[in-house]
């Protein structure tokens, strides 16, 4: 009985991980933040803007309302969602070239700090 219970719990754990998947936002995010070279590696769009070395999965936007939590709509070569930050340390997981830099917001006044290369 113990053997079948072990396998049942193992299968449940595997299904839970598969169902939940990886975080959609962040350094491995297929929605916003993950590295990419083509859009088929993302849930939406891959930007190869010079400020996102190695490419970054993102969502095209016209305002923050179109961006997932933890991101903001910023003005780069195209308007897209970028991961917000408060310090350079929060951007380190994206790569050594990434820093917390302020960018103009789209659909709102002012700017917001996001992880990007200078």
PDB file of N, CA and C in Angstrom:
ATOM      1  N   UNK A   1       0.837  -1.197   0.000  1.00  0.00           N
ATOM      2  CA  UNK A   1       0.000   0.000   0.000  1.00  0.00           C
ATOM      3  C   UNK A   1       0.873   1.248   0.000  1.00  0.00           C
ATOM      4  N   UNK A   2       1.936   1.222   0.759  1.00  0.00           N
ATOM      5  CA  UNK A   2       2.832   2.367   0.835  1.00  0.00           C
ATOM      6  C   UNK A   2       3.399   2.700  -0.541  1.00  0.00           C
ATOM      7  N   UNK A   3       3.727   1.671  -1.328  1.00  0.00           N
ATOM      8  CA  UNK A   3       4.309   1.855  -2.649  1.00  0.00           C
ATOM      9  C   UNK A   3       3.342   2.612  -3.574  1.00  0.00           C
ATOM     10  N   UNK A   4       2.070   2.232  -3.612  1.00  0.00           N
ATOM     11  CA  UNK A   4       1.101   2.896  -4.488  1.00  0.00           C
ATOM     12  C   UNK A   4       0.806   4.315  -4.006  1.00  0.00           C
ATOM     13  N   UNK A   5       0.812   4.535  -2.700  1.00  0.00           N
ATOM     14  CA  UNK A   5       0.605   5.886  -2.168  1.00  0.00           C
ATOM     15  C   UNK A   5       1.755   6.797  -2.588  1.00  0.00           C
ATOM     16  N   UNK A   6       2.975   6.288  -2.520  1.00  0.00           N
ATOM     17  CA  UNK A   6       4.160   7.053  -2.921  1.00  0.00           C
ATOM     18  C   UNK A   6       4.050   7.476  -4.382  1.00  0.00           C
ATOM     19  N   UNK A   7       3.700   6.516  -5.262  1.00  0.00           N
ATOM     20  CA  UNK A   7       3.578   6.824  -6.685  1.00  0.00           C
ATOM     21  C   UNK A   7       2.423   7.784  -6.948  1.00  0.00           C
ATOM     22  N   UNK A   8       1.343   7.642  -6.215  1.00  0.00           N
ATOM     23  CA  UNK A   8       0.203   8.542  -6.371  1.00  0.00           C
ATOM     24  C   UNK A   8       0.566   9.966  -6.012  1.00  0.00           C
ATOM     25  N   UNK A   9       1.296  10.121  -4.916  1.00  0.00           N
ATOM     26  CA  UNK A   9       1.733  11.464  -4.519  1.00  0.00           C
ATOM     27  C   UNK A   9       2.737  12.027  -5.508  1.00  0.00           C
ATOM     28  N   UNK A  10       3.630  11.174  -6.006  1.00  0.00           N
ATOM     29  CA  UNK A  10       4.611  11.617  -6.999  1.00  0.00           C
ATOM     30  C   UNK A  10       3.940  12.094  -8.273  1.00  0.00           C
ATOM     31  N   UNK A  11       2.950  11.338  -8.735  1.00  0.00           N
ATOM     32  CA  UNK A  11       2.221  11.728  -9.938  1.00  0.00           C
ATOM     33  C   UNK A  11       1.457  13.024  -9.710  1.00  0.00           C
ATOM     34  N   UNK A  12       0.829  13.183  -8.535  1.00  0.00           N
ATOM     35  CA  UNK A  12       0.121  14.415  -8.209  1.00  0.00           C
ATOM     36  C   UNK A  12       1.081  15.605  -8.235  1.00  0.00           C
ATOM     37  N   UNK A  13       2.272  15.444  -7.647  1.00  0.00           N
ATOM     38  CA  UNK A  13       3.264  16.519  -7.629  1.00  0.00           C
ATOM     39  C   UNK A  13       3.705  16.894  -9.027  1.00  0.00           C
ATOM     40  N   UNK A  14       3.938  15.895  -9.885  1.00  0.00           N
ATOM     41  CA  UNK A  14       4.346  16.157 -11.254  1.00  0.00           C
ATOM     42  C   UNK A  14       3.251  16.905 -12.008  1.00  0.00           C
ATOM     43  N   UNK A  15       2.010  16.486 -11.856  1.00  0.00           N
ATOM     44  CA  UNK A  15       0.897  17.161 -12.529  1.00  0.00           C
ATOM     45  C   UNK A  15       0.736  18.587 -12.026  1.00  0.00           C
ATOM     46  N   UNK A  16       0.964  18.806 -10.750  1.00  0.00           N
ATOM     47  CA  UNK A  16       0.869  20.159 -10.195  1.00  0.00           C
ATOM     48  C   UNK A  16       1.916  21.064 -10.823  1.00  0.00           C
ATOM     49  N   UNK A  17       3.153  20.592 -10.948  1.00  0.00           N
ATOM     50  CA  UNK A  17       4.221  21.390 -11.548  1.00  0.00           C
ATOM     51  C   UNK A  17       3.916  21.672 -13.011  1.00  0.00           C
ATOM     52  N   UNK A  18       3.471  20.668 -13.757  1.00  0.00           N
ATOM     53  CA  UNK A  18       3.161  20.847 -15.162  1.00  0.00           C
ATOM     54  C   UNK A  18       1.996  21.814 -15.333  1.00  0.00           C
ATOM     55  N   UNK A  19       0.979  21.692 -14.507  1.00  0.00           N
ATOM     56  CA  UNK A  19      -0.202  22.552 -14.617  1.00  0.00           C
ATOM     57  C   UNK A  19       0.138  23.998 -14.287  1.00  0.00           C
ATOM     58  N   UNK A  20       0.964  24.204 -13.272  1.00  0.00           N
ATOM     59  CA  UNK A  20       1.301  25.561 -12.868  1.00  0.00           C
ATOM     60  C   UNK A  20       2.334  26.180 -13.803  1.00  0.00           C
ATOM     61  N   UNK A  21       3.305  25.399 -14.256  1.00  0.00           N
ATOM     62  CA  UNK A  21       4.333  25.899 -15.141  1.00  0.00           C
ATOM     63  C   UNK A  21       5.234  26.901 -14.445  1.00  0.00           C
ATOM     64  N   UNK A  22       6.079  27.523 -15.215  1.00  0.00           N
ATOM     65  CA  UNK A  22       6.998  28.517 -14.695  1.00  0.00           C
ATOM     66  C   UNK A  22       6.271  29.850 -14.542  1.00  0.00           C
ATOM     67  N   UNK A  23       6.848  30.738 -13.752  1.00  0.00           N
ATOM     68  CA  UNK A  23       6.304  32.075 -13.608  1.00  0.00           C
ATOM     69  C   UNK A  23       6.224  32.735 -14.987  1.00  0.00           C
ATOM     70  N   UNK A  24       5.115  33.385 -15.328  1.00  0.00           N
ATOM     71  CA  UNK A  24       5.015  34.020 -16.641  1.00  0.00           C
ATOM     72  C   UNK A  24       5.837  35.300 -16.751  1.00  0.00           C
ATOM     73  N   UNK A  25       6.272  35.852 -15.601  1.00  0.00           N
ATOM     74  CA  UNK A  25       7.038  37.095 -15.583  1.00  0.00           C
ATOM     75  C   UNK A  25       8.340  36.872 -14.817  1.00  0.00           C
ATOM     76  N   UNK A  26       9.449  37.323 -15.371  1.00  0.00           N
ATOM     77  CA  UNK A  26      10.749  37.194 -14.718  1.00  0.00           C
ATOM     78  C   UNK A  26      11.777  36.633 -15.677  1.00  0.00           C
ATOM     79  N   UNK A  27      12.969  36.330 -15.193  1.00  0.00           N
ATOM     80  CA  UNK A  27      14.057  35.886 -16.064  1.00  0.00           C
ATOM     81  C   UNK A  27      13.748  34.634 -16.890  1.00  0.00           C
ATOM     82  N   UNK A  28      12.826  33.804 -16.455  1.00  0.00           N
ATOM     83  CA  UNK A  28      12.444  32.611 -17.219  1.00  0.00           C
ATOM     84  C   UNK A  28      11.032  32.731 -17.780  1.00  0.00           C
ATOM     85  N   UNK A  29      10.433  33.902 -17.657  1.00  0.00           N
ATOM     86  CA  UNK A  29       9.044  34.100 -18.059  1.00  0.00           C
ATOM     87  C   UNK A  29       8.827  34.069 -19.559  1.00  0.00           C
ATOM     88  N   UNK A  30       7.915  33.223 -19.996  1.00  0.00           N
ATOM     89  CA  UNK A  30       7.570  33.165 -21.415  1.00  0.00           C
ATOM     90  C   UNK A  30       6.627  34.303 -21.814  1.00  0.00           C
ATOM     91  N   UNK A  31       6.054  35.007 -20.835  1.00  0.00           N
ATOM     92  CA  UNK A  31       5.182  36.131 -21.144  1.00  0.00           C
ATOM     93  C   UNK A  31       5.999  37.427 -21.159  1.00  0.00           C
ATOM     94  N   UNK A  32       6.702  37.705 -20.058  1.00  0.00           N
ATOM     95  CA  UNK A  32       7.570  38.892 -19.995  1.00  0.00           C
ATOM     96  C   UNK A  32       8.834  38.552 -19.213  1.00  0.00           C
ATOM     97  N   UNK A  33       9.988  38.779 -19.823  1.00  0.00           N
ATOM     98  CA  UNK A  33      11.263  38.681 -19.117  1.00  0.00           C
ATOM     99  C   UNK A  33      12.207  37.598 -19.571  1.00  0.00           C
ATOM    100  N   UNK A  34      11.704  36.514 -20.113  1.00  0.00           N
ATOM    101  CA  UNK A  34      12.569  35.414 -20.532  1.00  0.00           C
ATOM    102  C   UNK A  34      13.394  35.768 -21.758  1.00  0.00           C
ATOM    103  N   UNK A  35      14.589  35.204 -21.846  1.00  0.00           N
ATOM    104  CA  UNK A  35      15.443  35.419 -23.008  1.00  0.00           C
ATOM    105  C   UNK A  35      14.848  34.700 -24.217  1.00  0.00           C
ATOM    106  N   UNK A  36      15.026  35.291 -25.404  1.00  0.00           N
ATOM    107  CA  UNK A  36      14.487  34.693 -26.627  1.00  0.00           C
ATOM    108  C   UNK A  36      15.250  35.224 -27.833  1.00  0.00           C
ATOM    109  N   UNK A  37      15.130  34.514 -28.928  1.00  0.00           N
ATOM    110  CA  UNK A  37      15.671  34.995 -30.200  1.00  0.00           C
ATOM    111  C   UNK A  37      14.568  35.072 -31.259  1.00  0.00           C
ATOM    112  N   UNK A  38      13.397  34.488 -30.951  1.00  0.00           N
ATOM    113  CA  UNK A  38      12.252  34.516 -31.863  1.00  0.00           C
ATOM    114  C   UNK A  38      10.960  34.456 -31.049  1.00  0.00           C
ATOM    115  N   UNK A  39       9.891  35.009 -31.603  1.00  0.00           N
ATOM    116  CA  UNK A  39       8.612  35.081 -30.887  1.00  0.00           C
ATOM    117  C   UNK A  39       8.011  33.714 -30.569  1.00  0.00           C
ATOM    118  N   UNK A  40       8.378  32.664 -31.321  1.00  0.00           N
ATOM    119  CA  UNK A  40       7.823  31.338 -31.020  1.00  0.00           C
ATOM    120  C   UNK A  40       8.375  30.762 -29.716  1.00  0.00           C
ATOM    121  N   UNK A  41       9.347  31.429 -29.106  1.00  0.00           N
ATOM    122  CA  UNK A  41       9.884  31.021 -27.810  1.00  0.00           C
ATOM    123  C   UNK A  41       9.144  31.701 -26.664  1.00  0.00           C
ATOM    124  N   UNK A  42       8.170  32.536 -26.995  1.00  0.00           N
ATOM    125  CA  UNK A  42       7.436  33.334 -26.012  1.00  0.00           C
ATOM    126  C   UNK A  42       5.936  33.077 -26.143  1.00  0.00           C
ATOM    127  N   UNK A  43       5.197  33.517 -25.123  1.00  0.00           N
ATOM    128  CA  UNK A  43       3.743  33.432 -25.194  1.00  0.00           C
ATOM    129  C   UNK A  43       3.161  34.543 -26.059  1.00  0.00           C
ATOM    130  N   UNK A  44       3.946  35.594 -26.335  1.00  0.00           N
ATOM    131  CA  UNK A  44       3.427  36.694 -27.127  1.00  0.00           C
ATOM    132  C   UNK A  44       4.435  37.170 -28.171  1.00  0.00           C
ATOM    133  N   UNK A  45       5.457  37.914 -27.759  1.00  0.00           N
ATOM    134  CA  UNK A  45       6.346  38.622 -28.676  1.00  0.00           C
ATOM    135  C   UNK A  45       7.761  38.613 -28.131  1.00  0.00           C
ATOM    136  N   UNK A  46       8.743  38.527 -29.009  1.00  0.00           N
ATOM    137  CA  UNK A  46      10.151  38.601 -28.608  1.00  0.00           C
ATOM    138  C   UNK A  46      10.739  39.905 -29.134  1.00  0.00           C
ATOM    139  N   UNK A  47      11.188  40.763 -28.225  1.00  0.00           N
ATOM    140  CA  UNK A  47      11.859  41.980 -28.665  1.00  0.00           C
ATOM    141  C   UNK A  47      13.363  41.713 -28.719  1.00  0.00           C
ATOM    142  N   UNK A  48      13.985  42.233 -29.743  1.00  0.00           N
ATOM    143  CA  UNK A  48      15.437  42.156 -29.856  1.00  0.00           C
ATOM    144  C   UNK A  48      16.028  43.565 -29.797  1.00  0.00           C
ATOM    145  N   UNK A  49      15.284  44.463 -29.158  1.00  0.00           N
ATOM    146  CA  UNK A  49      15.740  45.837 -28.933  1.00  0.00           C
ATOM    147  C   UNK A  49      17.134  45.807 -28.302  1.00  0.00           C
ATOM    148  N   UNK A  50      17.982  46.738 -28.669  1.00  0.00           N
ATOM    149  CA  UNK A  50      19.375  46.761 -28.179  1.00  0.00           C
ATOM    150  C   UNK A  50      19.479  46.846 -26.657  1.00  0.00           C
ATOM    151  N   UNK A  51      18.427  47.289 -25.989  1.00  0.00           N
ATOM    152  CA  UNK A  51      18.459  47.403 -24.533  1.00  0.00           C
ATOM    153  C   UNK A  51      18.073  46.105 -23.826  1.00  0.00           C
ATOM    154  N   UNK A  52      17.819  45.069 -24.624  1.00  0.00           N
ATOM    155  CA  UNK A  52      17.459  43.751 -24.086  1.00  0.00           C
ATOM    156  C   UNK A  52      18.347  42.703 -24.758  1.00  0.00           C
ATOM    157  N   UNK A  53      19.643  42.691 -24.371  1.00  0.00           N
ATOM    158  CA  UNK A  53      20.603  41.783 -25.014  1.00  0.00           C
ATOM    159  C   UNK A  53      20.160  40.328 -24.895  1.00  0.00           C
ATOM    160  N   UNK A  54      20.244  39.615 -25.994  1.00  0.00           N
ATOM    161  CA  UNK A  54      19.804  38.232 -26.011  1.00  0.00           C
ATOM    162  C   UNK A  54      18.317  38.111 -26.268  1.00  0.00           C
ATOM    163  N   UNK A  55      17.620  39.227 -26.425  1.00  0.00           N
ATOM    164  CA  UNK A  55      16.183  39.234 -26.642  1.00  0.00           C
ATOM    165  C   UNK A  55      15.416  39.045 -25.343  1.00  0.00           C
ATOM    166  N   UNK A  56      14.147  39.467 -25.339  1.00  0.00           N
ATOM    167  CA  UNK A  56      13.307  39.323 -24.156  1.00  0.00           C
ATOM    168  C   UNK A  56      11.858  39.112 -24.579  1.00  0.00           C
ATOM    169  N   UNK A  57      11.220  38.100 -23.987  1.00  0.00           N
ATOM    170  CA  UNK A  57       9.790  37.895 -24.213  1.00  0.00           C
ATOM    171  C   UNK A  57       9.034  39.072 -23.613  1.00  0.00           C
ATOM    172  N   UNK A  58       8.022  39.539 -24.316  1.00  0.00           N
ATOM    173  CA  UNK A  58       7.250  40.667 -23.837  1.00  0.00           C
ATOM    174  C   UNK A  58       5.863  40.679 -24.473  1.00  0.00           C
ATOM    175  N   UNK A  59       5.088  41.673 -24.111  1.00  0.00           N
ATOM    176  CA  UNK A  59       3.745  41.889 -24.646  1.00  0.00           C
ATOM    177  C   UNK A  59       3.705  43.317 -25.181  1.00  0.00           C
ATOM    178  N   UNK A  60       3.255  43.497 -26.398  1.00  0.00           N
ATOM    179  CA  UNK A  60       3.081  44.847 -26.935  1.00  0.00           C
ATOM    180  C   UNK A  60       1.915  45.495 -26.201  1.00  0.00           C
ATOM    181  N   UNK A  61       1.999  46.806 -25.960  1.00  0.00           N
ATOM    182  CA  UNK A  61       0.981  47.458 -25.133  1.00  0.00           C
ATOM    183  C   UNK A  61       0.767  48.916 -25.513  1.00  0.00           C
ATOM    184  N   UNK A  62      -0.345  49.446 -25.015  1.00  0.00           N
ATOM    185  CA  UNK A  62      -0.652  50.868 -25.149  1.00  0.00           C
ATOM    186  C   UNK A  62      -0.812  51.505 -23.778  1.00  0.00           C
ATOM    187  N   UNK A  63      -0.827  50.666 -22.714  1.00  0.00           N
ATOM    188  CA  UNK A  63      -0.912  51.159 -21.337  1.00  0.00           C
ATOM    189  C   UNK A  63      -0.568  50.020 -20.378  1.00  0.00           C
ATOM    190  N   UNK A  64      -0.349  50.366 -19.107  1.00  0.00           N
ATOM    191  CA  UNK A  64      -0.044  49.369 -18.077  1.00  0.00           C
ATOM    192  C   UNK A  64      -1.165  48.331 -17.934  1.00  0.00           C
ATOM    193  N   UNK A  65      -2.396  48.715 -18.251  1.00  0.00           N
ATOM    194  CA  UNK A  65      -3.531  47.806 -18.115  1.00  0.00           C
ATOM    195  C   UNK A  65      -3.380  46.569 -19.000  1.00  0.00           C
ATOM    196  N   UNK A  66      -2.561  46.648 -20.032  1.00  0.00           N
ATOM    197  CA  UNK A  66      -2.344  45.521 -20.940  1.00  0.00           C
ATOM    198  C   UNK A  66      -1.136  44.674 -20.536  1.00  0.00           C
ATOM    199  N   UNK A  67      -0.498  45.041 -19.431  1.00  0.00           N
ATOM    200  CA  UNK A  67       0.699  44.336 -18.958  1.00  0.00           C
ATOM    201  C   UNK A  67       0.375  43.494 -17.730  1.00  0.00           C
ATOM    202  N   UNK A  68       1.068  42.357 -17.577  1.00  0.00           N
ATOM    203  CA  UNK A  68       0.847  41.534 -16.379  1.00  0.00           C
ATOM    204  C   UNK A  68       1.410  42.210 -15.131  1.00  0.00           C
ATOM    205  N   UNK A  69       0.967  41.745 -13.974  1.00  0.00           N
ATOM    206  CA  UNK A  69       1.453  42.275 -12.691  1.00  0.00           C
ATOM    207  C   UNK A  69       2.971  42.204 -12.648  1.00  0.00           C
ATOM    208  N   UNK A  70       3.585  43.239 -12.087  1.00  0.00           N
ATOM    209  CA  UNK A  70       5.043  43.275 -11.967  1.00  0.00           C
ATOM    210  C   UNK A  70       5.741  43.851 -13.177  1.00  0.00           C
ATOM    211  N   UNK A  71       4.944  44.317 -14.156  1.00  0.00           N
ATOM    212  CA  UNK A  71       5.517  44.927 -15.354  1.00  0.00           C
ATOM    213  C   UNK A  71       4.810  46.248 -15.639  1.00  0.00           C
ATOM    214  N   UNK A  72       5.400  47.041 -16.528  1.00  0.00           N
ATOM    215  CA  UNK A  72       4.809  48.316 -16.924  1.00  0.00           C
ATOM    216  C   UNK A  72       5.011  48.512 -18.420  1.00  0.00           C
ATOM    217  N   UNK A  73       4.113  49.253 -19.032  1.00  0.00           N
ATOM    218  CA  UNK A  73       4.200  49.563 -20.455  1.00  0.00           C
ATOM    219  C   UNK A  73       5.163  50.743 -20.630  1.00  0.00           C
ATOM    220  N   UNK A  74       6.268  50.491 -21.318  1.00  0.00           N
ATOM    221  CA  UNK A  74       7.287  51.523 -21.490  1.00  0.00           C
ATOM    222  C   UNK A  74       7.554  51.782 -22.964  1.00  0.00           C
ATOM    223  N   UNK A  75       8.133  52.936 -23.229  1.00  0.00           N
ATOM    224  CA  UNK A  75       8.447  53.355 -24.580  1.00  0.00           C
ATOM    225  C   UNK A  75       9.889  52.987 -24.912  1.00  0.00           C
ATOM    226  N   UNK A  76      10.046  51.967 -25.735  1.00  0.00           N
ATOM    227  CA  UNK A  76      11.358  51.600 -26.274  1.00  0.00           C
ATOM    228  C   UNK A  76      11.235  51.774 -27.791  1.00  0.00           C
ATOM    229  N   UNK A  77      11.861  50.939 -28.616  1.00  0.00           N
ATOM    230  CA  UNK A  77      11.673  51.020 -30.065  1.00  0.00           C
ATOM    231  C   UNK A  77      10.226  50.706 -30.429  1.00  0.00           C
ATOM    232  N   UNK A  78       9.574  49.901 -29.599  1.00  0.00           N
ATOM    233  CA  UNK A  78       8.136  49.628 -29.680  1.00  0.00           C
ATOM    234  C   UNK A  78       7.612  49.754 -28.256  1.00  0.00           C
ATOM    235  N   UNK A  79       6.333  49.953 -28.085  1.00  0.00           N
ATOM    236  CA  UNK A  79       5.773  50.028 -26.732  1.00  0.00           C
ATOM    237  C   UNK A  79       5.524  48.609 -26.245  1.00  0.00           C
ATOM    238  N   UNK A  80       6.193  48.217 -25.164  1.00  0.00           N
ATOM    239  CA  UNK A  80       5.995  46.879 -24.629  1.00  0.00           C
ATOM    240  C   UNK A  80       6.159  46.838 -23.123  1.00  0.00           C
ATOM    241  N   UNK A  81       5.717  45.734 -22.532  1.00  0.00           N
ATOM    242  CA  UNK A  81       5.775  45.537 -21.090  1.00  0.00           C
ATOM    243  C   UNK A  81       7.186  45.129 -20.683  1.00  0.00           C
ATOM    244  N   UNK A  82       7.706  45.760 -19.644  1.00  0.00           N
ATOM    245  CA  UNK A  82       9.025  45.429 -19.108  1.00  0.00           C
ATOM    246  C   UNK A  82       8.897  45.220 -17.599  1.00  0.00           C
ATOM    247  N   UNK A  83       9.782  44.421 -17.041  1.00  0.00           N
ATOM    248  CA  UNK A  83       9.745  44.090 -15.619  1.00  0.00           C
ATOM    249  C   UNK A  83      10.175  45.302 -14.794  1.00  0.00           C
ATOM    250  N   UNK A  84       9.326  45.716 -13.848  1.00  0.00           N
ATOM    251  CA  UNK A  84       9.642  46.854 -12.988  1.00  0.00           C
ATOM    252  C   UNK A  84      10.627  46.432 -11.894  1.00  0.00           C
ATOM    253  N   UNK A  85      11.352  47.399 -11.374  1.00  0.00           N
ATOM    254  CA  UNK A  85      12.373  47.119 -10.365  1.00  0.00           C
ATOM    255  C   UNK A  85      12.529  48.312  -9.437  1.00  0.00           C
ATOM    256  N   UNK A  86      13.238  48.091  -8.339  1.00  0.00           N
ATOM    257  CA  UNK A  86      13.552  49.173  -7.404  1.00  0.00           C
ATOM    258  C   UNK A  86      15.062  49.333  -7.241  1.00  0.00           C
ATOM    259  N   UNK A  87      15.835  48.318  -7.701  1.00  0.00           N
ATOM    260  CA  UNK A  87      17.293  48.390  -7.572  1.00  0.00           C
ATOM    261  C   UNK A  87      17.955  47.522  -8.632  1.00  0.00           C
ATOM    262  N   UNK A  88      19.239  47.792  -8.889  1.00  0.00           N
ATOM    263  CA  UNK A  88      20.003  46.989  -9.843  1.00  0.00           C
ATOM    264  C   UNK A  88      20.045  45.523  -9.433  1.00  0.00           C
ATOM    265  N   UNK A  89      20.076  45.254  -8.132  1.00  0.00           N
ATOM    266  CA  UNK A  89      20.148  43.877  -7.641  1.00  0.00           C
ATOM    267  C   UNK A  89      18.953  43.051  -8.118  1.00  0.00           C
ATOM    268  N   UNK A  90      17.787  43.668  -8.265  1.00  0.00           N
ATOM    269  CA  UNK A  90      16.596  42.960  -8.730  1.00  0.00           C
ATOM    270  C   UNK A  90      16.698  42.572 -10.204  1.00  0.00           C
ATOM    271  N   UNK A  91      17.617  43.172 -10.936  1.00  0.00           N
ATOM    272  CA  UNK A  91      17.773  42.903 -12.365  1.00  0.00           C
ATOM    273  C   UNK A  91      18.915  41.933 -12.653  1.00  0.00           C
ATOM    274  N   UNK A  92      19.698  41.589 -11.666  1.00  0.00           N
ATOM    275  CA  UNK A  92      20.878  40.744 -11.858  1.00  0.00           C
ATOM    276  C   UNK A  92      20.539  39.396 -12.492  1.00  0.00           C
ATOM    277  N   UNK A  93      19.397  38.823 -12.189  1.00  0.00           N
ATOM    278  CA  UNK A  93      19.035  37.514 -12.722  1.00  0.00           C
ATOM    279  C   UNK A  93      18.804  37.539 -14.236  1.00  0.00           C
ATOM    280  N   UNK A  94      18.590  38.707 -14.812  1.00  0.00           N
ATOM    281  CA  UNK A  94      18.393  38.821 -16.258  1.00  0.00           C
ATOM    282  C   UNK A  94      19.725  38.767 -17.009  1.00  0.00           C
ATOM    283  N   UNK A  95      20.817  39.042 -16.328  1.00  0.00           N
ATOM    284  CA  UNK A  95      22.140  39.038 -16.938  1.00  0.00           C
ATOM    285  C   UNK A  95      22.967  40.192 -16.429  1.00  0.00           C
ATOM    286  N   UNK A  96      24.258  40.074 -16.586  1.00  0.00           N
ATOM    287  CA  UNK A  96      25.161  41.100 -16.018  1.00  0.00           C
ATOM    288  C   UNK A  96      25.015  42.468 -16.658  1.00  0.00           C
ATOM    289  N   UNK A  97      24.430  42.537 -17.854  1.00  0.00           N
ATOM    290  CA  UNK A  97      24.259  43.819 -18.540  1.00  0.00           C
ATOM    291  C   UNK A  97      22.990  44.554 -18.136  1.00  0.00           C
ATOM    292  N   UNK A  98      22.169  43.936 -17.285  1.00  0.00           N
ATOM    293  CA  UNK A  98      20.879  44.529 -16.917  1.00  0.00           C
ATOM    294  C   UNK A  98      20.976  45.350 -15.636  1.00  0.00           C
ATOM    295  N   UNK A  99      20.337  46.519 -15.684  1.00  0.00           N
ATOM    296  CA  UNK A  99      20.299  47.435 -14.547  1.00  0.00           C
ATOM    297  C   UNK A  99      18.887  47.996 -14.426  1.00  0.00           C
ATOM    298  N   UNK A 100      18.589  48.585 -13.296  1.00  0.00           N
ATOM    299  CA  UNK A 100      17.295  49.206 -13.049  1.00  0.00           C
ATOM    300  C   UNK A 100      17.361  50.644 -13.567  1.00  0.00           C
ATOM    301  N   UNK A 101      16.732  50.893 -14.706  1.00  0.00           N
ATOM    302  CA  UNK A 101      16.797  52.198 -15.369  1.00  0.00           C
ATOM    303  C   UNK A 101      15.395  52.742 -15.612  1.00  0.00           C
ATOM    304  N   UNK A 102      15.244  54.033 -15.464  1.00  0.00           N
ATOM    305  CA  UNK A 102      13.957  54.686 -15.646  1.00  0.00           C
ATOM    306  C   UNK A 102      13.638  54.851 -17.131  1.00  0.00           C
ATOM    307  N   UNK A 103      12.395  54.528 -17.496  1.00  0.00           N
ATOM    308  CA  UNK A 103      11.911  54.666 -18.872  1.00  0.00           C
ATOM    309  C   UNK A 103      10.577  55.392 -18.863  1.00  0.00           C
ATOM    310  N   UNK A 104      10.312  56.137 -19.940  1.00  0.00           N
ATOM    311  CA  UNK A 104       9.030  56.821 -20.081  1.00  0.00           C
ATOM    312  C   UNK A 104       7.907  55.802 -20.172  1.00  0.00           C
ATOM    313  N   UNK A 105       6.822  56.087 -19.462  1.00  0.00           N
ATOM    314  CA  UNK A 105       5.653  55.205 -19.480  1.00  0.00           C
ATOM    315  C   UNK A 105       4.811  55.490 -20.716  1.00  0.00           C
ATOM    316  N   UNK A 106       4.055  54.512 -21.128  1.00  0.00           N
ATOM    317  CA  UNK A 106       3.124  54.659 -22.245  1.00  0.00           C
ATOM    318  C   UNK A 106       1.714  54.630 -21.660  1.00  0.00           C
ATOM    319  N   UNK A 107       0.889  55.588 -22.057  1.00  0.00           N
ATOM    320  CA  UNK A 107      -0.485  55.633 -21.577  1.00  0.00           C
ATOM    321  C   UNK A 107      -0.624  56.255 -20.198  1.00  0.00           C
ATOM    322  N   UNK A 108       0.475  56.786 -19.661  1.00  0.00           N
ATOM    323  CA  UNK A 108       0.474  57.451 -18.345  1.00  0.00           C
ATOM    324  C   UNK A 108       1.618  58.445 -18.324  1.00  0.00           C
ATOM    325  N   UNK A 109       1.528  59.408 -17.442  1.00  0.00           N
ATOM    326  CA  UNK A 109       2.588  60.402 -17.373  1.00  0.00           C
ATOM    327  C   UNK A 109       3.756  59.884 -16.538  1.00  0.00           C
ATOM    328  N   UNK A 110       4.911  60.475 -16.754  1.00  0.00           N
ATOM    329  CA  UNK A 110       6.081  60.136 -15.964  1.00  0.00           C
ATOM    330  C   UNK A 110       6.853  58.930 -16.490  1.00  0.00           C
ATOM    331  N   UNK A 111       7.708  58.426 -15.615  1.00  0.00           N
ATOM    332  CA  UNK A 111       8.544  57.285 -15.970  1.00  0.00           C
ATOM    333  C   UNK A 111       8.493  56.249 -14.849  1.00  0.00           C
ATOM    334  N   UNK A 112       9.040  55.074 -15.125  1.00  0.00           N
ATOM    335  CA  UNK A 112       9.098  54.003 -14.139  1.00  0.00           C
ATOM    336  C   UNK A 112      10.393  53.239 -14.340  1.00  0.00           C
ATOM    337  N   UNK A 113      10.997  52.755 -13.265  1.00  0.00           N
ATOM    338  CA  UNK A 113      12.231  51.980 -13.411  1.00  0.00           C
ATOM    339  C   UNK A 113      11.935  50.541 -13.846  1.00  0.00           C
ATOM    340  N   UNK A 114      12.667  50.059 -14.859  1.00  0.00           N
ATOM    341  CA  UNK A 114      12.529  48.690 -15.372  1.00  0.00           C
ATOM    342  C   UNK A 114      13.911  48.086 -15.568  1.00  0.00           C
ATOM    343  N   UNK A 115      13.967  46.762 -15.610  1.00  0.00           N
ATOM    344  CA  UNK A 115      15.218  46.054 -15.862  1.00  0.00           C
ATOM    345  C   UNK A 115      15.527  46.107 -17.347  1.00  0.00           C
ATOM    346  N   UNK A 116      16.712  46.658 -17.679  1.00  0.00           N
ATOM    347  CA  UNK A 116      17.142  46.765 -19.079  1.00  0.00           C
ATOM    348  C   UNK A 116      18.634  47.064 -19.108  1.00  0.00           C
ATOM    349  N   UNK A 117      19.228  46.942 -20.266  1.00  0.00           N
ATOM    350  CA  UNK A 117      20.634  47.330 -20.449  1.00  0.00           C
ATOM    351  C   UNK A 117      20.657  48.800 -20.823  1.00  0.00           C
ATOM    352  N   UNK A 118      21.687  49.517 -20.429  1.00  0.00           N
ATOM    353  CA  UNK A 118      21.760  50.958 -20.743  1.00  0.00           C
ATOM    354  C   UNK A 118      21.768  51.245 -22.236  1.00  0.00           C
TER     355      UNK A 118
END
